[in-house]
Protein backbone atom coordinates (compact mmCIF):
# COMPACT_ATOMS: atom_id res chain seq x y z
CA MET A 1 4.77 29.88 24.33
CA ARG A 2 2.44 31.52 21.83
CA TYR A 3 0.76 29.12 19.44
CA PRO A 4 -0.30 30.12 15.94
CA PRO A 5 -4.03 29.93 15.12
CA LEU A 6 -4.79 26.22 15.00
CA GLY A 7 -7.53 26.52 12.41
CA GLY A 8 -5.09 28.33 10.18
CA LEU A 9 -2.52 25.54 10.50
CA ARG A 10 -4.93 22.88 9.21
CA ALA A 11 -6.11 25.06 6.34
CA PHE A 12 -2.54 26.03 5.45
CA GLU A 13 -1.29 22.42 5.52
CA ALA A 14 -3.97 21.33 3.07
CA ALA A 15 -3.43 24.37 0.85
CA ALA A 16 0.35 23.87 0.89
CA ARG A 17 0.03 20.18 0.05
CA HIS A 18 -2.25 20.89 -2.92
CA GLU A 19 -0.84 24.36 -3.72
CA SER A 20 -4.48 25.26 -4.25
CA PHE A 21 -7.05 26.96 -2.02
CA ALA A 22 -9.88 25.36 -3.99
CA ALA A 23 -8.51 21.82 -3.55
CA ALA A 24 -7.88 22.46 0.15
CA ALA A 25 -11.42 23.75 0.54
CA ALA A 26 -12.84 20.61 -1.07
CA GLU A 27 -10.79 18.41 1.27
CA LEU A 28 -11.78 20.33 4.40
CA ASN A 29 -15.42 20.89 3.39
CA LEU A 30 -14.91 24.66 3.46
CA THR A 31 -15.16 27.38 0.88
CA ALA A 32 -12.05 28.61 -0.90
CA ALA A 33 -12.68 32.02 0.64
CA ALA A 34 -12.66 30.50 4.13
CA VAL A 35 -9.36 28.74 3.44
CA SER A 36 -7.92 31.99 2.14
CA GLN A 37 -9.02 33.82 5.31
CA HIS A 38 -7.44 31.17 7.53
CA VAL A 39 -4.17 31.38 5.60
CA ARG A 40 -4.22 35.19 5.64
CA ALA A 41 -4.67 35.18 9.43
CA LEU A 42 -1.74 32.79 9.79
CA GLU A 43 0.44 34.97 7.54
CA GLN A 44 -0.43 38.01 9.66
CA TRP A 45 0.45 36.08 12.81
CA LEU A 46 3.80 35.01 11.33
CA GLY A 47 4.52 38.32 9.68
CA VAL A 48 5.58 36.74 6.36
CA PRO A 49 3.70 35.69 3.21
CA LEU A 50 3.35 31.94 2.79
CA PHE A 51 1.91 32.04 -0.73
CA GLN A 52 2.40 34.09 -3.84
CA ARG A 53 -1.04 34.86 -5.19
CA HIS A 54 -1.56 34.93 -8.95
CA PRO A 55 -4.66 35.33 -11.11
CA ARG A 56 -4.53 31.63 -11.94
CA GLY A 57 -3.81 30.33 -8.45
CA VAL A 58 -1.21 30.35 -5.69
CA ALA A 59 2.36 29.15 -5.23
CA LEU A 60 4.30 28.59 -2.02
CA THR A 61 7.00 31.06 -1.08
CA ALA A 62 10.30 29.72 0.22
CA ALA A 63 9.10 30.38 3.78
CA GLY A 64 5.80 28.70 2.96
CA GLY A 65 7.53 25.58 1.70
CA ASP A 66 9.68 25.27 4.82
CA PHE A 67 6.78 25.97 7.16
CA GLY A 68 4.50 23.61 5.24
CA ALA A 69 6.91 20.71 5.74
CA ALA A 70 7.12 21.46 9.48
CA VAL A 71 3.34 21.74 9.90
CA SER A 72 2.72 18.53 7.95
CA HIS A 73 5.25 16.69 10.10
CA GLY A 74 3.65 18.03 13.28
CA LEU A 75 0.09 17.17 12.27
CA THR A 76 1.22 13.67 11.28
CA HIS A 77 2.64 13.14 14.76
CA ILE A 78 -0.56 14.48 16.34
CA ALA A 79 -2.66 12.13 14.22
CA LEU A 80 -0.36 9.23 15.12
CA ALA A 81 -0.58 10.00 18.85
CA ALA A 82 -4.37 10.35 18.67
CA GLY A 83 -4.64 7.04 16.84
CA GLN A 84 -2.47 5.29 19.39
CA ILE A 85 -4.49 6.65 22.32
CA ALA A 86 -7.73 5.62 20.66
CA ALA A 87 -6.27 2.19 19.93
CA LYS A 88 -5.81 1.52 23.63
CA THR A 89 -9.56 1.81 24.27
CA ARG A 90 -10.39 -1.24 22.13
CA ARG A 91 -9.50 -4.68 23.48
CA THR A 92 -9.27 -6.37 20.08
CA LEU A 93 -7.35 -3.58 18.39
CA VAL A 94 -3.76 -4.45 17.47
CA SER A 95 -1.40 -1.72 16.39
CA LEU A 96 1.50 -2.23 14.00
CA ALA A 97 4.02 0.44 13.02
CA CYS A 98 5.63 -0.32 9.70
CA LEU A 99 7.78 1.22 7.00
CA PRO A 100 5.79 2.55 4.01
CA SER A 101 7.73 0.28 1.63
CA VAL A 102 6.98 -2.90 3.58
CA THR A 103 3.37 -1.85 4.11
CA THR A 104 2.68 -1.13 0.45
CA CYS A 105 4.75 -3.81 -1.27
CA TRP A 106 4.48 -6.76 1.11
CA LEU A 107 1.94 -6.36 3.90
CA ILE A 108 -1.15 -4.86 2.24
CA PRO A 109 -1.38 -7.51 -0.52
CA ARG A 110 -1.42 -10.18 2.21
CA LEU A 111 -3.75 -8.50 4.70
CA PRO A 112 -6.95 -10.01 3.23
CA LEU A 113 -5.63 -13.43 4.28
CA PHE A 114 -5.27 -12.26 7.87
CA ARG A 115 -8.66 -10.55 7.92
CA ALA A 116 -10.36 -13.65 6.53
CA THR A 117 -8.79 -15.83 9.22
CA HIS A 118 -9.12 -13.37 12.12
CA PRO A 119 -12.10 -11.06 11.55
CA GLU A 120 -12.31 -10.50 15.31
CA ILE A 121 -9.03 -8.54 15.28
CA GLN A 122 -9.03 -4.93 14.19
CA LEU A 123 -5.70 -3.65 12.91
CA ASN A 124 -4.31 -0.17 13.42
CA LEU A 125 -1.51 0.36 10.88
CA VAL A 126 0.70 3.40 11.30
CA TYR A 127 4.00 4.57 9.85
CA ALA A 128 7.05 3.72 11.89
CA LEU A 129 8.53 7.20 11.27
CA ASP A 130 11.77 7.32 13.32
CA ALA A 131 10.67 4.95 16.09
CA ARG A 132 13.30 2.42 17.14
CA SER A 133 11.10 0.38 19.48
CA PRO A 134 7.40 -0.48 19.86
CA ALA A 135 7.30 1.56 23.07
CA GLN A 136 8.68 4.59 21.25
CA ALA A 137 6.06 4.19 18.53
CA GLY A 138 3.32 3.44 21.05
CA VAL A 139 2.34 0.20 19.28
CA ASP A 140 2.23 -3.53 19.89
CA LEU A 141 4.51 -4.47 16.99
CA LEU A 142 7.10 -2.62 14.94
CA ILE A 143 8.78 -3.49 11.66
CA GLN A 144 12.02 -1.62 11.01
CA HIS A 145 14.92 -1.81 8.56
CA GLY A 146 18.64 -2.20 9.14
CA VAL A 147 21.07 -4.40 11.00
CA ARG A 148 19.79 -6.34 14.03
CA PRO A 149 18.47 -3.69 16.45
CA ASP A 150 17.85 -5.98 19.41
CA ALA A 151 18.69 -9.53 20.42
CA ARG A 152 14.95 -10.26 20.65
CA ALA A 153 14.19 -8.95 17.14
CA THR A 154 13.02 -11.43 14.53
CA ALA A 155 14.23 -11.12 10.94
CA ILE A 156 11.15 -11.51 8.76
CA LEU A 157 12.47 -10.39 5.36
CA SER A 158 15.88 -9.92 3.81
CA ALA A 159 16.69 -6.33 2.82
CA ALA A 160 19.35 -7.37 0.28
CA THR A 161 18.95 -5.33 -2.91
CA ARG A 162 19.71 -6.17 -6.54
CA PRO A 163 19.67 -4.16 -9.77
CA THR A 164 16.12 -4.28 -11.09
CA CYS A 165 14.30 -2.89 -14.11
CA SER A 166 11.15 -3.42 -16.15
CA PRO A 167 11.12 -5.92 -19.04
CA GLU A 168 10.48 -3.02 -21.44
CA PHE A 169 13.56 -1.18 -20.17
CA LEU A 170 15.63 -4.34 -20.62
CA VAL A 171 14.46 -4.69 -24.23
CA ARG A 172 15.29 -1.05 -25.00
CA HIS A 173 18.65 -0.82 -23.22
CA GLY A 174 19.90 -4.36 -22.65
CA PRO A 175 21.39 -6.81 -22.58
CA PHE A 176 23.48 -6.24 -19.46
CA ALA A 177 26.24 -8.82 -19.49
CA ALA A 178 28.52 -7.15 -16.94
CA ALA A 179 28.07 -4.74 -14.06
CA SER A 180 29.92 -2.06 -16.02
CA ASP A 181 27.11 -2.09 -18.62
CA LEU A 182 24.86 -0.39 -16.07
CA LEU A 183 27.02 2.74 -16.14
CA ALA A 184 25.56 3.59 -19.55
CA VAL A 185 21.94 3.78 -18.35
CA GLU A 186 19.89 5.82 -15.89
CA LEU A 187 20.41 4.65 -12.30
CA LEU A 188 17.63 5.48 -9.85
CA HIS A 189 18.39 6.14 -6.19
CA ASP A 190 16.50 5.44 -2.96
CA GLU A 191 17.28 8.41 -0.68
CA THR A 192 21.01 8.49 -1.57
CA PRO A 193 23.42 7.32 -4.32
CA SER A 194 25.51 5.50 -1.69
CA ALA A 195 23.72 2.18 -2.22
CA TRP A 196 24.80 2.07 -5.87
CA ARG A 197 28.37 2.86 -4.84
CA ARG A 198 28.30 -0.10 -2.45
CA TRP A 199 26.84 -2.38 -5.10
CA PHE A 200 29.46 -1.45 -7.71
CA ALA A 201 32.22 -1.86 -5.10
CA ALA A 202 30.93 -5.36 -4.33
CA ALA A 203 31.03 -6.06 -8.07
CA GLY A 204 34.68 -4.94 -8.18
CA LEU A 205 34.12 -1.52 -9.75
CA ASN A 206 35.02 1.90 -8.42
CA ALA A 207 32.96 3.87 -10.89
CA PRO A 208 31.37 7.34 -10.85
CA ILE A 209 27.61 7.24 -10.33
CA GLY A 210 25.42 9.17 -12.76
CA GLY A 211 22.99 11.87 -11.81
CA GLY A 212 19.78 9.86 -11.89
CA PRO A 213 16.85 11.02 -9.76
CA ILE A 214 16.87 10.46 -6.00
CA PHE A 215 13.58 9.36 -4.43
CA ALA A 216 12.70 10.02 -0.80
CA ASP A 217 10.63 6.86 -0.57
CA PHE A 218 11.05 3.35 -1.97
CA ASN A 219 7.45 3.33 -3.22
CA LEU A 220 8.34 6.24 -5.50
CA LEU A 221 11.49 4.47 -6.67
CA VAL A 222 9.78 1.18 -7.54
CA ALA A 223 6.99 3.02 -9.37
CA SER A 224 9.64 4.70 -11.51
CA VAL A 225 11.36 1.35 -12.14
CA ILE A 226 8.09 -0.29 -13.17
CA ALA A 227 7.41 2.66 -15.48
CA GLY A 228 10.66 1.87 -17.32
CA GLN A 229 12.51 5.01 -16.28
CA GLY A 230 15.74 3.32 -15.19
CA VAL A 231 17.41 0.68 -13.04
CA GLY A 232 16.93 0.71 -9.28
CA LEU A 233 18.40 -1.26 -6.41
CA CYS A 234 15.32 -3.00 -5.02
CA PRO A 235 15.00 -5.32 -2.02
CA THR A 236 14.20 -8.61 -3.73
CA SER A 237 11.93 -9.71 -0.90
CA LEU A 238 9.67 -6.68 -1.34
CA ILE A 239 9.23 -7.09 -5.09
CA ALA A 240 8.71 -10.87 -5.12
CA ASP A 241 5.14 -10.47 -6.36
CA GLU A 242 6.23 -8.18 -9.21
CA LEU A 243 8.99 -10.60 -10.18
CA LYS A 244 6.49 -13.46 -10.32
CA ARG A 245 4.06 -11.40 -12.42
CA GLY A 246 6.87 -10.35 -14.76
CA SER A 247 6.43 -6.61 -14.25
CA LEU A 248 10.00 -6.43 -12.91
CA THR A 249 13.16 -8.38 -13.60
CA THR A 250 16.43 -8.70 -11.69
CA LEU A 251 19.53 -8.05 -13.79
CA PHE A 252 22.29 -9.49 -11.56
CA GLU A 253 22.33 -11.86 -8.62
CA GLN A 254 25.11 -9.84 -6.95
CA PRO A 255 23.39 -8.37 -3.84
CA CYS A 256 23.99 -5.29 -1.78
CA ASP A 257 23.19 -4.82 1.93
CA GLU A 258 23.10 -8.54 2.70
CA ASP A 259 23.65 -7.69 6.37
CA LYS A 260 20.36 -5.80 6.57
CA HIS A 261 16.86 -7.16 7.17
CA TYR A 262 13.35 -6.05 8.00
CA TRP A 263 13.00 -6.80 11.70
CA LEU A 264 9.90 -7.49 13.78
CA LEU A 265 9.99 -6.15 17.33
CA GLU A 266 7.27 -6.67 19.92
CA ALA A 267 6.23 -4.73 22.99
CA GLY A 268 6.25 -6.35 26.40
CA GLY A 269 3.10 -8.06 27.59
CA LEU A 270 1.50 -8.63 24.19
CA SER A 271 -2.23 -9.25 24.14
CA PRO A 272 -3.34 -12.61 22.69
CA GLU A 273 -4.54 -10.78 19.58
CA ALA A 274 -1.19 -9.05 19.09
CA ALA A 275 0.58 -12.39 19.52
CA ILE A 276 -1.65 -13.84 16.78
CA LEU A 277 -0.60 -11.05 14.40
CA ARG A 278 3.07 -11.52 15.35
CA ASP A 279 2.95 -15.24 14.61
CA TRP A 280 1.09 -14.63 11.34
CA LEU A 281 3.69 -12.10 10.15
CA VAL A 282 6.50 -14.56 10.88
CA THR A 283 4.66 -17.38 9.10
CA MET A 284 3.91 -15.24 6.04
CA SER A 285 7.55 -14.15 5.80
CA ARG A 286 8.65 -17.80 5.74
CA GLY A 287 6.21 -18.62 2.96
């Protein structure tokens, strides 16, 4: 198998992500000319242009966009594998693979408590990606979403979702006395409109869903909800802090996806340090 120039892949990934040779150069500590040369060599190797070059900058071609996504995915897996190998060389290092939504909304705000109590333990946090087991992710502990994946899995958070919006959005567009009132406002979607269809069905409505934006990640969805751009179905457990602060409000108690949870799975033969993190996660989820 012939491999494309590896230096060109790194330069291209950064340039594709920023759609800018100058920004990629700043990130990689190179000159813009060097980035351009790397990209040009990669284009010659592939035989297709990856960027359209304009006097004011560059823009990805269709082929460049597709290839950029593939390269970014590949480099992410390489970085994950490298991190997991490095993690095994440190006795006190504990690795946890977690969903971005759980990491950002629930785990990171609570991590200072763990670090203050256990400064001797170094954490290695990675994205779960598509891993279905700790062994598959190459980690000690894994948090995943869905129905129970394994008889040994521990449910740490409910994944039940409820219609949620910002207080400002409620003032502008409310009140919402019945589920049907939501059909008149912008509904925001996490990956697919199917969740809203399930929620309306549970509320006794078989209604067409509007064309609100679809977000590939819950962090993007909740940022849009907080910004007052619409109503989103949010896991109540992940936005508990925002509900307490008053930056978000739940419109109806009718839940969706009550059968789903965020599950904690552990690898066999946990180290004492990994067991400490496991027990802490369970305790924090009960609090």
